Amino acid sequence: RNISYEKAAAITKKVFETGTADEAAAIL
């Protein structure tokens, strides 16, 4: 409820562009 779809999509894009699970976790 506290995040827009657009913001969630941008975060998801960043997560999928990472090379490792640790990088993805750091982005989140």
PDB file of all heavy atoms in Angstrom:
ATOM      1  N   ARG A   1       0.827  -1.213   0.000  1.00  0.00           N
ATOM      2  CA  ARG A   1       0.000   0.000   0.000  1.00  0.00           C
ATOM      3  C   ARG A   1       0.858   1.259   0.000  1.00  0.00           C
ATOM      4  O   ARG A   1       0.410   2.318  -0.404  1.00  0.00           O
ATOM      5  CB  ARG A   1      -0.906   0.029   1.220  1.00  0.00           C
ATOM      6  CG  ARG A   1      -2.112  -0.851   1.105  1.00  0.00           C
ATOM      7  CD  ARG A   1      -2.967  -0.730   2.340  1.00  0.00           C
ATOM      8  NE  ARG A   1      -4.152  -1.557   2.211  1.00  0.00           N
ATOM      9  CZ  ARG A   1      -4.765  -2.121   3.218  1.00  0.00           C
ATOM     10  NH1 ARG A   1      -4.325  -1.943   4.453  1.00  0.00           N
ATOM     11  NH2 ARG A   1      -5.836  -2.862   3.016  1.00  0.00           N
ATOM     12  N   ASN A   2       2.076   1.136   0.471  1.00  0.00           N
ATOM     13  CA  ASN A   2       2.957   2.290   0.609  1.00  0.00           C
ATOM     14  C   ASN A   2       3.965   2.424  -0.516  1.00  0.00           C
ATOM     15  O   ASN A   2       4.959   3.136  -0.382  1.00  0.00           O
ATOM     16  CB  ASN A   2       3.675   2.243   1.963  1.00  0.00           C
ATOM     17  CG  ASN A   2       2.714   2.505   3.097  1.00  0.00           C
ATOM     18  OD1 ASN A   2       2.032   3.520   3.110  1.00  0.00           O
ATOM     19  ND2 ASN A   2       2.636   1.573   4.028  1.00  0.00           N
ATOM     20  N   ILE A   3       3.716   1.724  -1.619  1.00  0.00           N
ATOM     21  CA  ILE A   3       4.617   1.828  -2.764  1.00  0.00           C
ATOM     22  C   ILE A   3       3.778   1.798  -4.039  1.00  0.00           C
ATOM     23  O   ILE A   3       2.827   1.027  -4.150  1.00  0.00           O
ATOM     24  CB  ILE A   3       5.677   0.700  -2.755  1.00  0.00           C
ATOM     25  CG1 ILE A   3       6.761   0.953  -3.791  1.00  0.00           C
ATOM     26  CG2 ILE A   3       5.058  -0.663  -2.918  1.00  0.00           C
ATOM     27  CD1 ILE A   3       7.973   0.066  -3.633  1.00  0.00           C
ATOM     28  N   SER A   4       4.088   2.648  -4.951  1.00  0.00           N
ATOM     29  CA  SER A   4       3.352   2.666  -6.210  1.00  0.00           C
ATOM     30  C   SER A   4       3.832   1.524  -7.109  1.00  0.00           C
ATOM     31  O   SER A   4       4.949   1.008  -6.951  1.00  0.00           O
ATOM     32  CB  SER A   4       3.569   3.993  -6.940  1.00  0.00           C
ATOM     33  OG  SER A   4       4.906   4.099  -7.391  1.00  0.00           O
ATOM     34  N   TYR A   5       2.984   1.169  -8.063  1.00  0.00           N
ATOM     35  CA  TYR A   5       3.387   0.157  -9.033  1.00  0.00           C
ATOM     36  C   TYR A   5       4.631   0.618  -9.786  1.00  0.00           C
ATOM     37  O   TYR A   5       5.551  -0.172 -10.016  1.00  0.00           O
ATOM     38  CB  TYR A   5       2.252  -0.151 -10.026  1.00  0.00           C
ATOM     39  CG  TYR A   5       2.761  -0.963 -11.191  1.00  0.00           C
ATOM     40  CD1 TYR A   5       3.046  -2.310 -11.033  1.00  0.00           C
ATOM     41  CD2 TYR A   5       3.026  -0.364 -12.415  1.00  0.00           C
ATOM     42  CE1 TYR A   5       3.569  -3.051 -12.079  1.00  0.00           C
ATOM     43  CE2 TYR A   5       3.539  -1.099 -13.461  1.00  0.00           C
ATOM     44  CZ  TYR A   5       3.809  -2.435 -13.286  1.00  0.00           C
ATOM     45  OH  TYR A   5       4.334  -3.170 -14.318  1.00  0.00           O
ATOM     46  N   GLU A   6       4.679   1.897 -10.149  1.00  0.00           N
ATOM     47  CA  GLU A   6       5.817   2.423 -10.904  1.00  0.00           C
ATOM     48  C   GLU A   6       7.119   2.284 -10.112  1.00  0.00           C
ATOM     49  O   GLU A   6       8.154   1.906 -10.674  1.00  0.00           O
ATOM     50  CB  GLU A   6       5.570   3.886 -11.279  1.00  0.00           C
ATOM     51  CG  GLU A   6       4.466   4.083 -12.305  1.00  0.00           C
ATOM     52  CD  GLU A   6       3.051   3.970 -11.732  1.00  0.00           C
ATOM     53  OE1 GLU A   6       2.872   4.049 -10.500  1.00  0.00           O
ATOM     54  OE2 GLU A   6       2.127   3.795 -12.537  1.00  0.00           O
ATOM     55  N   LYS A   7       7.068   2.591  -8.831  1.00  0.00           N
ATOM     56  CA  LYS A   7       8.257   2.461  -7.977  1.00  0.00           C
ATOM     57  C   LYS A   7       8.653   0.986  -7.851  1.00  0.00           C
ATOM     58  O   LYS A   7       9.833   0.637  -7.954  1.00  0.00           O
ATOM     59  CB  LYS A   7       7.990   3.066  -6.602  1.00  0.00           C
ATOM     60  CG  LYS A   7       9.093   2.890  -5.603  1.00  0.00           C
ATOM     61  CD  LYS A   7      10.227   3.817  -5.845  1.00  0.00           C
ATOM     62  CE  LYS A   7      11.211   3.733  -4.671  1.00  0.00           C
ATOM     63  NZ  LYS A   7      12.400   4.503  -4.885  1.00  0.00           N
ATOM     64  N   ALA A   8       7.663   0.112  -7.640  1.00  0.00           N
ATOM     65  CA  ALA A   8       7.945  -1.322  -7.534  1.00  0.00           C
ATOM     66  C   ALA A   8       8.550  -1.847  -8.833  1.00  0.00           C
ATOM     67  O   ALA A   8       9.494  -2.644  -8.813  1.00  0.00           O
ATOM     68  CB  ALA A   8       6.677  -2.090  -7.183  1.00  0.00           C
ATOM     69  N   ALA A   9       8.044  -1.396  -9.977  1.00  0.00           N
ATOM     70  CA  ALA A   9       8.580  -1.832 -11.270  1.00  0.00           C
ATOM     71  C   ALA A   9      10.017  -1.365 -11.450  1.00  0.00           C
ATOM     72  O   ALA A   9      10.861  -2.103 -11.969  1.00  0.00           O
ATOM     73  CB  ALA A   9       7.698  -1.332 -12.402  1.00  0.00           C
ATOM     74  N   ALA A  10      10.313  -0.137 -11.013  1.00  0.00           N
ATOM     75  CA  ALA A  10      11.685   0.385 -11.123  1.00  0.00           C
ATOM     76  C   ALA A  10      12.639  -0.417 -10.241  1.00  0.00           C
ATOM     77  O   ALA A  10      13.763  -0.741 -10.650  1.00  0.00           O
ATOM     78  CB  ALA A  10      11.723   1.864 -10.749  1.00  0.00           C
ATOM     79  N   ILE A  11      12.207  -0.740  -9.032  1.00  0.00           N
ATOM     80  CA  ILE A  11      13.034  -1.553  -8.130  1.00  0.00           C
ATOM     81  C   ILE A  11      13.252  -2.928  -8.733  1.00  0.00           C
ATOM     82  O   ILE A  11      14.379  -3.452  -8.739  1.00  0.00           O
ATOM     83  CB  ILE A  11      12.374  -1.652  -6.741  1.00  0.00           C
ATOM     84  CG1 ILE A  11      12.399  -0.294  -6.042  1.00  0.00           C
ATOM     85  CG2 ILE A  11      13.059  -2.717  -5.883  1.00  0.00           C
ATOM     86  CD1 ILE A  11      11.548  -0.229  -4.785  1.00  0.00           C
ATOM     87  N   THR A  12      12.191  -3.522  -9.260  1.00  0.00           N
ATOM     88  CA  THR A  12      12.290  -4.853  -9.862  1.00  0.00           C
ATOM     89  C   THR A  12      13.268  -4.850 -11.029  1.00  0.00           C
ATOM     90  O   THR A  12      14.082  -5.775 -11.169  1.00  0.00           O
ATOM     91  CB  THR A  12      10.896  -5.337 -10.308  1.00  0.00           C
ATOM     92  OG1 THR A  12      10.050  -5.390  -9.155  1.00  0.00           O
ATOM     93  CG2 THR A  12      10.949  -6.692 -10.962  1.00  0.00           C
ATOM     94  N   LYS A  13      13.218  -3.818 -11.838  1.00  0.00           N
ATOM     95  CA  LYS A  13      14.152  -3.710 -12.966  1.00  0.00           C
ATOM     96  C   LYS A  13      15.588  -3.673 -12.468  1.00  0.00           C
ATOM     97  O   LYS A  13      16.460  -4.372 -12.989  1.00  0.00           O
ATOM     98  CB  LYS A  13      13.833  -2.456 -13.778  1.00  0.00           C
ATOM     99  CG  LYS A  13      14.678  -2.287 -15.019  1.00  0.00           C
ATOM    100  CD  LYS A  13      14.221  -1.058 -15.810  1.00  0.00           C
ATOM    101  CE  LYS A  13      14.909  -0.922 -17.140  1.00  0.00           C
ATOM    102  NZ  LYS A  13      16.286  -0.563 -17.095  1.00  0.00           N
ATOM    103  N   LYS A  14      15.850  -2.879 -11.438  1.00  0.00           N
ATOM    104  CA  LYS A  14      17.207  -2.821 -10.864  1.00  0.00           C
ATOM    105  C   LYS A  14      17.645  -4.176 -10.333  1.00  0.00           C
ATOM    106  O   LYS A  14      18.793  -4.590 -10.516  1.00  0.00           O
ATOM    107  CB  LYS A  14      17.265  -1.801  -9.722  1.00  0.00           C
ATOM    108  CG  LYS A  14      17.230  -0.367 -10.150  1.00  0.00           C
ATOM    109  CD  LYS A  14      17.336   0.529  -8.920  1.00  0.00           C
ATOM    110  CE  LYS A  14      17.148   1.977  -9.253  1.00  0.00           C
ATOM    111  NZ  LYS A  14      17.222   2.815  -8.033  1.00  0.00           N
ATOM    112  N   VAL A  15      16.722  -4.864  -9.651  1.00  0.00           N
ATOM    113  CA  VAL A  15      17.044  -6.185  -9.078  1.00  0.00           C
ATOM    114  C   VAL A  15      17.429  -7.161 -10.185  1.00  0.00           C
ATOM    115  O   VAL A  15      18.411  -7.900 -10.071  1.00  0.00           O
ATOM    116  CB  VAL A  15      15.856  -6.718  -8.238  1.00  0.00           C
ATOM    117  CG1 VAL A  15      16.008  -8.196  -7.938  1.00  0.00           C
ATOM    118  CG2 VAL A  15      15.727  -5.921  -6.946  1.00  0.00           C
ATOM    119  N   PHE A  16      16.685  -7.148 -11.288  1.00  0.00           N
ATOM    120  CA  PHE A  16      16.963  -8.081 -12.379  1.00  0.00           C
ATOM    121  C   PHE A  16      18.217  -7.722 -13.172  1.00  0.00           C
ATOM    122  O   PHE A  16      18.747  -8.557 -13.898  1.00  0.00           O
ATOM    123  CB  PHE A  16      15.758  -8.203 -13.311  1.00  0.00           C
ATOM    124  CG  PHE A  16      14.739  -9.181 -12.811  1.00  0.00           C
ATOM    125  CD1 PHE A  16      13.752  -8.785 -11.931  1.00  0.00           C
ATOM    126  CD2 PHE A  16      14.787 -10.506 -13.197  1.00  0.00           C
ATOM    127  CE1 PHE A  16      12.816  -9.689 -11.450  1.00  0.00           C
ATOM    128  CE2 PHE A  16      13.855 -11.424 -12.724  1.00  0.00           C
ATOM    129  CZ  PHE A  16      12.872 -11.009 -11.842  1.00  0.00           C
ATOM    130  N   GLU A  17      18.700  -6.517 -13.020  1.00  0.00           N
ATOM    131  CA  GLU A  17      19.921  -6.115 -13.709  1.00  0.00           C
ATOM    132  C   GLU A  17      21.182  -6.446 -12.914  1.00  0.00           C
ATOM    133  O   GLU A  17      22.283  -6.247 -13.410  1.00  0.00           O
ATOM    134  CB  GLU A  17      19.878  -4.617 -14.009  1.00  0.00           C
ATOM    135  CG  GLU A  17      18.858  -4.265 -15.079  1.00  0.00           C
ATOM    136  CD  GLU A  17      18.660  -2.774 -15.267  1.00  0.00           C
ATOM    137  OE1 GLU A  17      19.090  -1.980 -14.396  1.00  0.00           O
ATOM    138  OE2 GLU A  17      18.057  -2.397 -16.285  1.00  0.00           O
ATOM    139  N   THR A  18      21.044  -6.944 -11.707  1.00  0.00           N
ATOM    140  CA  THR A  18      22.207  -7.267 -10.881  1.00  0.00           C
ATOM    141  C   THR A  18      22.823  -8.590 -11.313  1.00  0.00           C
ATOM    142  O   THR A  18      22.200  -9.380 -12.024  1.00  0.00           O
ATOM    143  CB  THR A  18      21.838  -7.360  -9.388  1.00  0.00           C
ATOM    144  OG1 THR A  18      20.944  -8.455  -9.200  1.00  0.00           O
ATOM    145  CG2 THR A  18      21.233  -6.078  -8.880  1.00  0.00           C
ATOM    146  N   GLY A  19      24.026  -8.816 -10.831  1.00  0.00           N
ATOM    147  CA  GLY A  19      24.724 -10.044 -11.169  1.00  0.00           C
ATOM    148  C   GLY A  19      24.648 -11.121 -10.106  1.00  0.00           C
ATOM    149  O   GLY A  19      24.849 -12.290 -10.401  1.00  0.00           O
ATOM    150  N   THR A  20      24.345 -10.729  -8.867  1.00  0.00           N
ATOM    151  CA  THR A  20      24.319 -11.711  -7.784  1.00  0.00           C
ATOM    152  C   THR A  20      23.121 -11.478  -6.875  1.00  0.00           C
ATOM    153  O   THR A  20      22.531 -10.388  -6.847  1.00  0.00           O
ATOM    154  CB  THR A  20      25.592 -11.622  -6.917  1.00  0.00           C
ATOM    155  OG1 THR A  20      25.576 -10.382  -6.191  1.00  0.00           O
ATOM    156  CG2 THR A  20      26.862 -11.747  -7.742  1.00  0.00           C
ATOM    157  N   ALA A  21      22.797 -12.501  -6.108  1.00  0.00           N
ATOM    158  CA  ALA A  21      21.710 -12.391  -5.127  1.00  0.00           C
ATOM    159  C   ALA A  21      22.044 -11.352  -4.064  1.00  0.00           C
ATOM    160  O   ALA A  21      21.156 -10.632  -3.595  1.00  0.00           O
ATOM    161  CB  ALA A  21      21.443 -13.750  -4.488  1.00  0.00           C
ATOM    162  N   ASP A  22      23.316 -11.261  -3.684  1.00  0.00           N
ATOM    163  CA  ASP A  22      23.725 -10.268  -2.684  1.00  0.00           C
ATOM    164  C   ASP A  22      23.496  -8.851  -3.197  1.00  0.00           C
ATOM    165  O   ASP A  22      23.054  -7.975  -2.454  1.00  0.00           O
ATOM    166  CB  ASP A  22      25.192 -10.456  -2.291  1.00  0.00           C
ATOM    167  CG  ASP A  22      25.416 -11.698  -1.442  1.00  0.00           C
ATOM    168  OD1 ASP A  22      24.446 -12.187  -0.825  1.00  0.00           O
ATOM    169  OD2 ASP A  22      26.563 -12.164  -1.399  1.00  0.00           O
ATOM    170  N   GLU A  23      23.793  -8.619  -4.474  1.00  0.00           N
ATOM    171  CA  GLU A  23      23.548  -7.300  -5.063  1.00  0.00           C
ATOM    172  C   GLU A  23      22.058  -6.990  -5.094  1.00  0.00           C
ATOM    173  O   GLU A  23      21.644  -5.862  -4.805  1.00  0.00           O
ATOM    174  CB  GLU A  23      24.127  -7.230  -6.480  1.00  0.00           C
ATOM    175  CG  GLU A  23      25.627  -7.228  -6.531  1.00  0.00           C
ATOM    176  CD  GLU A  23      26.178  -7.337  -7.943  1.00  0.00           C
ATOM    177  OE1 GLU A  23      25.404  -7.567  -8.897  1.00  0.00           O
ATOM    178  OE2 GLU A  23      27.384  -7.181  -8.092  1.00  0.00           O
ATOM    179  N   ALA A  24      21.261  -7.976  -5.442  1.00  0.00           N
ATOM    180  CA  ALA A  24      19.811  -7.781  -5.475  1.00  0.00           C
ATOM    181  C   ALA A  24      19.280  -7.464  -4.083  1.00  0.00           C
ATOM    182  O   ALA A  24      18.466  -6.550  -3.909  1.00  0.00           O
ATOM    183  CB  ALA A  24      19.130  -9.017  -6.042  1.00  0.00           C
ATOM    184  N   ALA A  25      19.753  -8.191  -3.081  1.00  0.00           N
ATOM    185  CA  ALA A  25      19.323  -7.947  -1.701  1.00  0.00           C
ATOM    186  C   ALA A  25      19.726  -6.550  -1.247  1.00  0.00           C
ATOM    187  O   ALA A  25      18.952  -5.862  -0.564  1.00  0.00           O
ATOM    188  CB  ALA A  25      19.915  -9.000  -0.773  1.00  0.00           C
ATOM    189  N   ALA A  26      20.903  -6.099  -1.644  1.00  0.00           N
ATOM    190  CA  ALA A  26      21.362  -4.767  -1.273  1.00  0.00           C
ATOM    191  C   ALA A  26      20.474  -3.695  -1.905  1.00  0.00           C
ATOM    192  O   ALA A  26      20.174  -2.677  -1.262  1.00  0.00           O
ATOM    193  CB  ALA A  26      22.818  -4.579  -1.689  1.00  0.00           C
ATOM    194  N   ILE A  27      20.070  -3.905  -3.143  1.00  0.00           N
ATOM    195  CA  ILE A  27      19.171  -2.955  -3.800  1.00  0.00           C
ATOM    196  C   ILE A  27      17.852  -2.894  -3.053  1.00  0.00           C
ATOM    197  O   ILE A  27      17.322  -1.820  -2.763  1.00  0.00           O
ATOM    198  CB  ILE A  27      18.970  -3.316  -5.278  1.00  0.00           C
ATOM    199  CG1 ILE A  27      20.222  -3.000  -6.062  1.00  0.00           C
ATOM    200  CG2 ILE A  27      17.760  -2.605  -5.865  1.00  0.00           C
ATOM    201  CD1 ILE A  27      20.235  -3.514  -7.460  1.00  0.00           C
ATOM    202  N   LEU A  28      17.283  -4.048  -2.726  1.00  0.00           N
ATOM    203  CA  LEU A  28      16.018  -4.074  -1.999  1.00  0.00           C
ATOM    204  C   LEU A  28      16.148  -3.358  -0.658  1.00  0.00           C
ATOM    205  O   LEU A  28      15.291  -2.553  -0.286  1.00  0.00           O
ATOM    206  CB  LEU A  28      15.542  -5.506  -1.804  1.00  0.00           C
ATOM    207  CG  LEU A  28      15.001  -6.194  -3.055  1.00  0.00           C
ATOM    208  CD1 LEU A  28      14.783  -7.668  -2.801  1.00  0.00           C
ATOM    209  CD2 LEU A  28      13.725  -5.529  -3.516  1.00  0.00           C
TER     210      LEU A  28
END
